[in-house]
Amino acid sequence: MTLNRIAQGFAADRVPQILGAHGIDYALVDTGEFGALHGKLEGEPWHVGVQHSRVREAYVAQAGLNDHFLAIFTRLTAFLFRR
């Protein structure tokens, strides 16, 4: 057993607070969990996807993030960010 997830959860809670304290209003953060500090400047959510491990053009899952974090537990997948 490791404390890996506990540390990631702590970082996921603290990073948005620290960024906000330094005047950063819009950010996509990867602390081992993906999180959004608000949406994008244009008001759209940040889009994250889990790429299929064998079909490069396919996604196993996609999500729009706006003021929340998403933890994804997978093996041998790539995480892609779309603008």
PDB file of N, CA and C in Angstrom:
ATOM      1  N   MET A   1       0.840  -1.158   0.000  1.00  0.00           N
ATOM      2  CA  MET A   1       0.000   0.000   0.000  1.00  0.00           C
ATOM      3  C   MET A   1       0.894   1.234   0.000  1.00  0.00           C
ATOM      4  N   THR A   2       0.494   2.256  -0.780  1.00  0.00           N
ATOM      5  CA  THR A   2       1.240   3.510  -0.812  1.00  0.00           C
ATOM      6  C   THR A   2       0.328   4.665  -0.420  1.00  0.00           C
ATOM      7  N   LEU A   3       0.937   5.784  -0.156  1.00  0.00           N
ATOM      8  CA  LEU A   3       0.179   6.996   0.160  1.00  0.00           C
ATOM      9  C   LEU A   3       0.012   7.873  -1.079  1.00  0.00           C
ATOM     10  N   ASN A   4       0.263   7.297  -2.234  1.00  0.00           N
ATOM     11  CA  ASN A   4       0.244   8.049  -3.478  1.00  0.00           C
ATOM     12  C   ASN A   4      -1.064   8.813  -3.676  1.00  0.00           C
ATOM     13  N   ARG A   5      -2.192   8.165  -3.570  1.00  0.00           N
ATOM     14  CA  ARG A   5      -3.489   8.824  -3.799  1.00  0.00           C
ATOM     15  C   ARG A   5      -3.786   9.896  -2.762  1.00  0.00           C
ATOM     16  N   ILE A   6      -3.333   9.689  -1.541  1.00  0.00           N
ATOM     17  CA  ILE A   6      -3.557  10.697  -0.504  1.00  0.00           C
ATOM     18  C   ILE A   6      -2.796  11.969  -0.856  1.00  0.00           C
ATOM     19  N   ALA A   7      -1.544  11.826  -1.280  1.00  0.00           N
ATOM     20  CA  ALA A   7      -0.740  12.993  -1.658  1.00  0.00           C
ATOM     21  C   ALA A   7      -1.346  13.702  -2.860  1.00  0.00           C
ATOM     22  N   GLN A   8      -1.834  12.946  -3.842  1.00  0.00           N
ATOM     23  CA  GLN A   8      -2.449  13.555  -5.020  1.00  0.00           C
ATOM     24  C   GLN A   8      -3.714  14.305  -4.627  1.00  0.00           C
ATOM     25  N   GLY A   9      -4.513  13.729  -3.743  1.00  0.00           N
ATOM     26  CA  GLY A   9      -5.728  14.410  -3.284  1.00  0.00           C
ATOM     27  C   GLY A   9      -5.414  15.689  -2.544  1.00  0.00           C
ATOM     28  N   PHE A  10      -4.381  15.649  -1.706  1.00  0.00           N
ATOM     29  CA  PHE A  10      -3.970  16.854  -0.988  1.00  0.00           C
ATOM     30  C   PHE A  10      -3.526  17.928  -1.972  1.00  0.00           C
ATOM     31  N   ALA A  11      -2.699  17.532  -2.949  1.00  0.00           N
ATOM     32  CA  ALA A  11      -2.231  18.498  -3.955  1.00  0.00           C
ATOM     33  C   ALA A  11      -3.404  19.039  -4.767  1.00  0.00           C
ATOM     34  N   ALA A  12      -4.353  18.181  -5.093  1.00  0.00           N
ATOM     35  CA  ALA A  12      -5.523  18.616  -5.863  1.00  0.00           C
ATOM     36  C   ALA A  12      -6.325  19.664  -5.092  1.00  0.00           C
ATOM     37  N   ASP A  13      -6.349  19.559  -3.774  1.00  0.00           N
ATOM     38  CA  ASP A  13      -7.049  20.551  -2.948  1.00  0.00           C
ATOM     39  C   ASP A  13      -6.261  21.847  -2.818  1.00  0.00           C
ATOM     40  N   ARG A  14      -4.944  21.746  -2.684  1.00  0.00           N
ATOM     41  CA  ARG A  14      -4.115  22.922  -2.417  1.00  0.00           C
ATOM     42  C   ARG A  14      -3.746  23.745  -3.642  1.00  0.00           C
ATOM     43  N   VAL A  15      -3.477  23.091  -4.764  1.00  0.00           N
ATOM     44  CA  VAL A  15      -3.005  23.821  -5.949  1.00  0.00           C
ATOM     45  C   VAL A  15      -3.979  24.909  -6.389  1.00  0.00           C
ATOM     46  N   PRO A  16      -5.278  24.643  -6.509  1.00  0.00           N
ATOM     47  CA  PRO A  16      -6.181  25.734  -6.898  1.00  0.00           C
ATOM     48  C   PRO A  16      -6.183  26.896  -5.908  1.00  0.00           C
ATOM     49  N   GLN A  17      -6.051  26.600  -4.623  1.00  0.00           N
ATOM     50  CA  GLN A  17      -5.983  27.661  -3.613  1.00  0.00           C
ATOM     51  C   GLN A  17      -4.744  28.519  -3.822  1.00  0.00           C
ATOM     52  N   ILE A  18      -3.614  27.881  -4.061  1.00  0.00           N
ATOM     53  CA  ILE A  18      -2.352  28.607  -4.261  1.00  0.00           C
ATOM     54  C   ILE A  18      -2.404  29.433  -5.542  1.00  0.00           C
ATOM     55  N   LEU A  19      -2.900  28.832  -6.625  1.00  0.00           N
ATOM     56  CA  LEU A  19      -3.001  29.574  -7.884  1.00  0.00           C
ATOM     57  C   LEU A  19      -3.927  30.781  -7.728  1.00  0.00           C
ATOM     58  N   GLY A  20      -5.071  30.570  -7.089  1.00  0.00           N
ATOM     59  CA  GLY A  20      -6.007  31.674  -6.868  1.00  0.00           C
ATOM     60  C   GLY A  20      -5.400  32.787  -6.028  1.00  0.00           C
ATOM     61  N   ALA A  21      -4.609  32.417  -5.023  1.00  0.00           N
ATOM     62  CA  ALA A  21      -3.954  33.418  -4.170  1.00  0.00           C
ATOM     63  C   ALA A  21      -2.930  34.242  -4.945  1.00  0.00           C
ATOM     64  N   HIS A  22      -2.429  33.707  -6.057  1.00  0.00           N
ATOM     65  CA  HIS A  22      -1.463  34.425  -6.887  1.00  0.00           C
ATOM     66  C   HIS A  22      -2.124  35.060  -8.106  1.00  0.00           C
ATOM     67  N   GLY A  23      -3.443  35.160  -8.096  1.00  0.00           N
ATOM     68  CA  GLY A  23      -4.145  35.862  -9.157  1.00  0.00           C
ATOM     69  C   GLY A  23      -4.378  35.056 -10.426  1.00  0.00           C
ATOM     70  N   ILE A  24      -4.158  33.756 -10.386  1.00  0.00           N
ATOM     71  CA  ILE A  24      -4.400  32.927 -11.566  1.00  0.00           C
ATOM     72  C   ILE A  24      -5.829  32.409 -11.491  1.00  0.00           C
ATOM     73  N   ASP A  25      -6.639  32.818 -12.446  1.00  0.00           N
ATOM     74  CA  ASP A  25      -8.058  32.490 -12.418  1.00  0.00           C
ATOM     75  C   ASP A  25      -8.427  31.296 -13.278  1.00  0.00           C
ATOM     76  N   TYR A  26      -7.646  30.997 -14.301  1.00  0.00           N
ATOM     77  CA  TYR A  26      -7.983  29.927 -15.241  1.00  0.00           C
ATOM     78  C   TYR A  26      -6.779  29.010 -15.409  1.00  0.00           C
ATOM     79  N   ALA A  27      -6.951  27.742 -15.053  1.00  0.00           N
ATOM     80  CA  ALA A  27      -5.830  26.806 -15.166  1.00  0.00           C
ATOM     81  C   ALA A  27      -6.348  25.380 -15.245  1.00  0.00           C
ATOM     82  N   LEU A  28      -5.613  24.554 -15.962  1.00  0.00           N
ATOM     83  CA  LEU A  28      -5.825  23.118 -15.962  1.00  0.00           C
ATOM     84  C   LEU A  28      -4.620  22.510 -15.260  1.00  0.00           C
ATOM     85  N   VAL A  29      -4.849  21.731 -14.225  1.00  0.00           N
ATOM     86  CA  VAL A  29      -3.793  21.248 -13.346  1.00  0.00           C
ATOM     87  C   VAL A  29      -3.751  19.720 -13.389  1.00  0.00           C
ATOM     88  N   ASP A  30      -2.536  19.156 -13.388  1.00  0.00           N
ATOM     89  CA  ASP A  30      -2.361  17.713 -13.292  1.00  0.00           C
ATOM     90  C   ASP A  30      -1.545  17.410 -12.053  1.00  0.00           C
ATOM     91  N   THR A  31      -2.208  16.926 -11.017  1.00  0.00           N
ATOM     92  CA  THR A  31      -1.534  16.534  -9.778  1.00  0.00           C
ATOM     93  C   THR A  31      -1.574  15.014  -9.618  1.00  0.00           C
ATOM     94  N   GLY A  32      -1.769  14.324 -10.711  1.00  0.00           N
ATOM     95  CA  GLY A  32      -2.068  12.906 -10.673  1.00  0.00           C
ATOM     96  C   GLY A  32      -3.559  12.715 -10.825  1.00  0.00           C
ATOM     97  N   GLU A  33      -4.292  13.774 -10.564  1.00  0.00           N
ATOM     98  CA  GLU A  33      -5.709  13.928 -10.872  1.00  0.00           C
ATOM     99  C   GLU A  33      -5.770  15.171 -11.742  1.00  0.00           C
ATOM    100  N   PHE A  34      -6.700  15.215 -12.672  1.00  0.00           N
ATOM    101  CA  PHE A  34      -6.824  16.390 -13.526  1.00  0.00           C
ATOM    102  C   PHE A  34      -7.840  17.326 -12.917  1.00  0.00           C
ATOM    103  N   GLY A  35      -7.510  18.602 -12.860  1.00  0.00           N
ATOM    104  CA  GLY A  35      -8.418  19.552 -12.252  1.00  0.00           C
ATOM    105  C   GLY A  35      -8.443  20.866 -12.990  1.00  0.00           C
ATOM    106  N   ALA A  36      -9.583  21.525 -12.899  1.00  0.00           N
ATOM    107  CA  ALA A  36      -9.764  22.807 -13.559  1.00  0.00           C
ATOM    108  C   ALA A  36     -10.047  23.883 -12.530  1.00  0.00           C
ATOM    109  N   LEU A  37      -9.323  24.966 -12.642  1.00  0.00           N
ATOM    110  CA  LEU A  37      -9.617  26.161 -11.866  1.00  0.00           C
ATOM    111  C   LEU A  37     -10.441  27.031 -12.793  1.00  0.00           C
ATOM    112  N   HIS A  38     -11.728  26.979 -12.622  1.00  0.00           N
ATOM    113  CA  HIS A  38     -12.697  27.590 -13.530  1.00  0.00           C
ATOM    114  C   HIS A  38     -12.593  26.916 -14.901  1.00  0.00           C
ATOM    115  N   GLY A  39     -13.338  27.390 -15.855  1.00  0.00           N
ATOM    116  CA  GLY A  39     -13.212  26.892 -17.216  1.00  0.00           C
ATOM    117  C   GLY A  39     -12.126  27.688 -17.910  1.00  0.00           C
ATOM    118  N   LYS A  40     -12.108  27.611 -19.221  1.00  0.00           N
ATOM    119  CA  LYS A  40     -11.154  28.418 -19.985  1.00  0.00           C
ATOM    120  C   LYS A  40     -11.589  29.869 -19.952  1.00  0.00           C
ATOM    121  N   LEU A  41     -10.711  30.740 -20.351  1.00  0.00           N
ATOM    122  CA  LEU A  41     -10.991  32.172 -20.360  1.00  0.00           C
ATOM    123  C   LEU A  41     -12.258  32.485 -21.141  1.00  0.00           C
ATOM    124  N   GLU A  42     -12.499  31.726 -22.215  1.00  0.00           N
ATOM    125  CA  GLU A  42     -13.672  31.954 -23.060  1.00  0.00           C
ATOM    126  C   GLU A  42     -14.959  31.427 -22.424  1.00  0.00           C
ATOM    127  N   GLY A  43     -14.874  30.790 -21.256  1.00  0.00           N
ATOM    128  CA  GLY A  43     -16.046  30.263 -20.584  1.00  0.00           C
ATOM    129  C   GLY A  43     -16.337  28.803 -20.877  1.00  0.00           C
ATOM    130  N   GLU A  44     -15.581  28.215 -21.787  1.00  0.00           N
ATOM    131  CA  GLU A  44     -15.769  26.805 -22.129  1.00  0.00           C
ATOM    132  C   GLU A  44     -15.058  25.927 -21.094  1.00  0.00           C
ATOM    133  N   PRO A  45     -15.528  24.690 -20.868  1.00  0.00           N
ATOM    134  CA  PRO A  45     -14.802  23.800 -19.962  1.00  0.00           C
ATOM    135  C   PRO A  45     -13.504  23.303 -20.596  1.00  0.00           C
ATOM    136  N   TRP A  46     -12.577  22.871 -19.774  1.00  0.00           N
ATOM    137  CA  TRP A  46     -11.374  22.197 -20.246  1.00  0.00           C
ATOM    138  C   TRP A  46     -11.787  20.790 -20.638  1.00  0.00           C
ATOM    139  N   HIS A  47     -11.250  20.274 -21.732  1.00  0.00           N
ATOM    140  CA  HIS A  47     -11.588  18.923 -22.177  1.00  0.00           C
ATOM    141  C   HIS A  47     -10.389  18.009 -21.985  1.00  0.00           C
ATOM    142  N   VAL A  48     -10.626  16.886 -21.323  1.00  0.00           N
ATOM    143  CA  VAL A  48      -9.597  15.864 -21.158  1.00  0.00           C
ATOM    144  C   VAL A  48     -10.148  14.550 -21.679  1.00  0.00           C
ATOM    145  N   GLY A  49      -9.252  13.715 -22.175  1.00  0.00           N
ATOM    146  CA  GLY A  49      -9.687  12.430 -22.685  1.00  0.00           C
ATOM    147  C   GLY A  49      -8.657  11.359 -22.406  1.00  0.00           C
ATOM    148  N   VAL A  50      -9.126  10.143 -22.301  1.00  0.00           N
ATOM    149  CA  VAL A  50      -8.246   8.989 -22.148  1.00  0.00           C
ATOM    150  C   VAL A  50      -8.181   8.324 -23.509  1.00  0.00           C
ATOM    151  N   GLN A  51      -6.991   8.320 -24.087  1.00  0.00           N
ATOM    152  CA  GLN A  51      -6.799   7.759 -25.420  1.00  0.00           C
ATOM    153  C   GLN A  51      -6.804   6.241 -25.361  1.00  0.00           C
ATOM    154  N   HIS A  52      -7.455   5.629 -26.331  1.00  0.00           N
ATOM    155  CA  HIS A  52      -7.452   4.173 -26.441  1.00  0.00           C
ATOM    156  C   HIS A  52      -6.015   3.695 -26.627  1.00  0.00           C
ATOM    157  N   SER A  53      -5.634   2.619 -25.977  1.00  0.00           N
ATOM    158  CA  SER A  53      -4.245   2.177 -26.017  1.00  0.00           C
ATOM    159  C   SER A  53      -3.826   1.577 -27.352  1.00  0.00           C
ATOM    160  N   ARG A  54      -4.793   1.115 -28.169  1.00  0.00           N
ATOM    161  CA  ARG A  54      -4.434   0.508 -29.448  1.00  0.00           C
ATOM    162  C   ARG A  54      -4.951   1.275 -30.661  1.00  0.00           C
ATOM    163  N   VAL A  55      -5.956   2.115 -30.474  1.00  0.00           N
ATOM    164  CA  VAL A  55      -6.523   2.883 -31.587  1.00  0.00           C
ATOM    165  C   VAL A  55      -6.274   4.353 -31.295  1.00  0.00           C
ATOM    166  N   ARG A  56      -5.229   4.901 -31.892  1.00  0.00           N
ATOM    167  CA  ARG A  56      -4.761   6.248 -31.563  1.00  0.00           C
ATOM    168  C   ARG A  56      -5.822   7.328 -31.757  1.00  0.00           C
ATOM    169  N   GLU A  57      -6.713   7.151 -32.712  1.00  0.00           N
ATOM    170  CA  GLU A  57      -7.732   8.177 -32.991  1.00  0.00           C
ATOM    171  C   GLU A  57      -8.941   8.069 -32.070  1.00  0.00           C
ATOM    172  N   ALA A  58      -9.005   7.038 -31.238  1.00  0.00           N
ATOM    173  CA  ALA A  58     -10.179   6.788 -30.402  1.00  0.00           C
ATOM    174  C   ALA A  58      -9.922   7.155 -28.947  1.00  0.00           C
ATOM    175  N   TYR A  59     -10.980   7.557 -28.264  1.00  0.00           N
ATOM    176  CA  TYR A  59     -10.929   7.850 -26.833  1.00  0.00           C
ATOM    177  C   TYR A  59     -11.780   6.834 -26.084  1.00  0.00           C
ATOM    178  N   VAL A  60     -11.282   6.368 -24.962  1.00  0.00           N
ATOM    179  CA  VAL A  60     -12.049   5.474 -24.105  1.00  0.00           C
ATOM    180  C   VAL A  60     -13.081   6.290 -23.334  1.00  0.00           C
ATOM    181  N   ALA A  61     -12.679   7.490 -22.935  1.00  0.00           N
ATOM    182  CA  ALA A  61     -13.576   8.376 -22.190  1.00  0.00           C
ATOM    183  C   ALA A  61     -13.139   9.818 -22.407  1.00  0.00           C
ATOM    184  N   GLN A  62     -14.101  10.738 -22.288  1.00  0.00           N
ATOM    185  CA  GLN A  62     -13.817  12.170 -22.368  1.00  0.00           C
ATOM    186  C   GLN A  62     -14.638  12.874 -21.296  1.00  0.00           C
ATOM    187  N   ALA A  63     -14.131  14.009 -20.840  1.00  0.00           N
ATOM    188  CA  ALA A  63     -14.850  14.781 -19.831  1.00  0.00           C
ATOM    189  C   ALA A  63     -14.540  16.260 -19.997  1.00  0.00           C
ATOM    190  N   GLY A  64     -15.496  17.087 -19.680  1.00  0.00           N
ATOM    191  CA  GLY A  64     -15.301  18.530 -19.619  1.00  0.00           C
ATOM    192  C   GLY A  64     -15.164  18.931 -18.159  1.00  0.00           C
ATOM    193  N   LEU A  65     -14.119  19.676 -17.834  1.00  0.00           N
ATOM    194  CA  LEU A  65     -13.873  20.072 -16.443  1.00  0.00           C
ATOM    195  C   LEU A  65     -14.041  21.574 -16.276  1.00  0.00           C
ATOM    196  N   ASN A  66     -14.777  21.948 -15.252  1.00  0.00           N
ATOM    197  CA  ASN A  66     -14.981  23.347 -14.917  1.00  0.00           C
ATOM    198  C   ASN A  66     -15.147  23.418 -13.405  1.00  0.00           C
ATOM    199  N   ASP A  67     -14.098  23.849 -12.712  1.00  0.00           N
ATOM    200  CA  ASP A  67     -14.103  23.965 -11.247  1.00  0.00           C
ATOM    201  C   ASP A  67     -14.208  22.635 -10.512  1.00  0.00           C
ATOM    202  N   HIS A  68     -13.683  21.559 -11.081  1.00  0.00           N
ATOM    203  CA  HIS A  68     -13.626  20.314 -10.335  1.00  0.00           C
ATOM    204  C   HIS A  68     -12.492  19.439 -10.846  1.00  0.00           C
ATOM    205  N   PHE A  69     -12.186  18.410 -10.078  1.00  0.00           N
ATOM    206  CA  PHE A  69     -11.101  17.495 -10.409  1.00  0.00           C
ATOM    207  C   PHE A  69     -11.655  16.151 -10.830  1.00  0.00           C
ATOM    208  N   LEU A  70     -10.860  15.422 -11.588  1.00  0.00           N
ATOM    209  CA  LEU A  70     -11.233  14.110 -12.077  1.00  0.00           C
ATOM    210  C   LEU A  70     -10.053  13.167 -11.896  1.00  0.00           C
ATOM    211  N   ALA A  71     -10.244  12.099 -11.158  1.00  0.00           N
ATOM    212  CA  ALA A  71      -9.206  11.085 -10.983  1.00  0.00           C
ATOM    213  C   ALA A  71      -9.519   9.936 -11.927  1.00  0.00           C
ATOM    214  N   ILE A  72      -8.519   9.548 -12.704  1.00  0.00           N
ATOM    215  CA  ILE A  72      -8.686   8.449 -13.656  1.00  0.00           C
ATOM    216  C   ILE A  72      -7.633   7.398 -13.336  1.00  0.00           C
ATOM    217  N   PHE A  73      -8.064   6.187 -13.100  1.00  0.00           N
ATOM    218  CA  PHE A  73      -7.157   5.094 -12.792  1.00  0.00           C
ATOM    219  C   PHE A  73      -7.153   4.128 -13.967  1.00  0.00           C
ATOM    220  N   THR A  74      -6.065   4.117 -14.711  1.00  0.00           N
ATOM    221  CA  THR A  74      -5.964   3.239 -15.872  1.00  0.00           C
ATOM    222  C   THR A  74      -4.554   2.691 -15.958  1.00  0.00           C
ATOM    223  N   ARG A  75      -4.367   1.757 -16.856  1.00  0.00           N
ATOM    224  CA  ARG A  75      -3.030   1.236 -17.147  1.00  0.00           C
ATOM    225  C   ARG A  75      -2.744   1.477 -18.615  1.00  0.00           C
ATOM    226  N   LEU A  76      -1.513   1.915 -18.911  1.00  0.00           N
ATOM    227  CA  LEU A  76      -1.038   2.063 -20.281  1.00  0.00           C
ATOM    228  C   LEU A  76      -1.939   2.922 -21.163  1.00  0.00           C
ATOM    229  N   THR A  77      -2.400   4.032 -20.643  1.00  0.00           N
ATOM    230  CA  THR A  77      -3.182   4.962 -21.447  1.00  0.00           C
ATOM    231  C   THR A  77      -2.482   6.299 -21.469  1.00  0.00           C
ATOM    232  N   ALA A  78      -2.796   7.088 -22.453  1.00  0.00           N
ATOM    233  CA  ALA A  78      -2.239   8.437 -22.551  1.00  0.00           C
ATOM    234  C   ALA A  78      -3.356   9.431 -22.278  1.00  0.00           C
ATOM    235  N   PHE A  79      -3.052  10.485 -21.560  1.00  0.00           N
ATOM    236  CA  PHE A  79      -4.021  11.506 -21.267  1.00  0.00           C
ATOM    237  C   PHE A  79      -3.787  12.670 -22.219  1.00  0.00           C
ATOM    238  N   LEU A  80      -4.810  13.069 -22.913  1.00  0.00           N
ATOM    239  CA  LEU A  80      -4.687  14.116 -23.913  1.00  0.00           C
ATOM    240  C   LEU A  80      -5.527  15.308 -23.534  1.00  0.00           C
ATOM    241  N   PHE A  81      -5.027  16.491 -23.817  1.00  0.00           N
ATOM    242  CA  PHE A  81      -5.769  17.720 -23.558  1.00  0.00           C
ATOM    243  C   PHE A  81      -6.106  18.349 -24.894  1.00  0.00           C
ATOM    244  N   ARG A  82      -7.352  18.751 -25.071  1.00  0.00           N
ATOM    245  CA  ARG A  82      -7.763  19.406 -26.307  1.00  0.00           C
ATOM    246  C   ARG A  82      -8.043  20.875 -26.010  1.00  0.00           C
ATOM    247  N   ARG A  83      -7.763  21.700 -26.989  1.00  0.00           N
ATOM    248  CA  ARG A  83      -8.078  23.127 -26.843  1.00  0.00           C
ATOM    249  C   ARG A  83      -9.431  23.417 -27.401  1.00  0.00           C
TER     250      ARG A  83
END
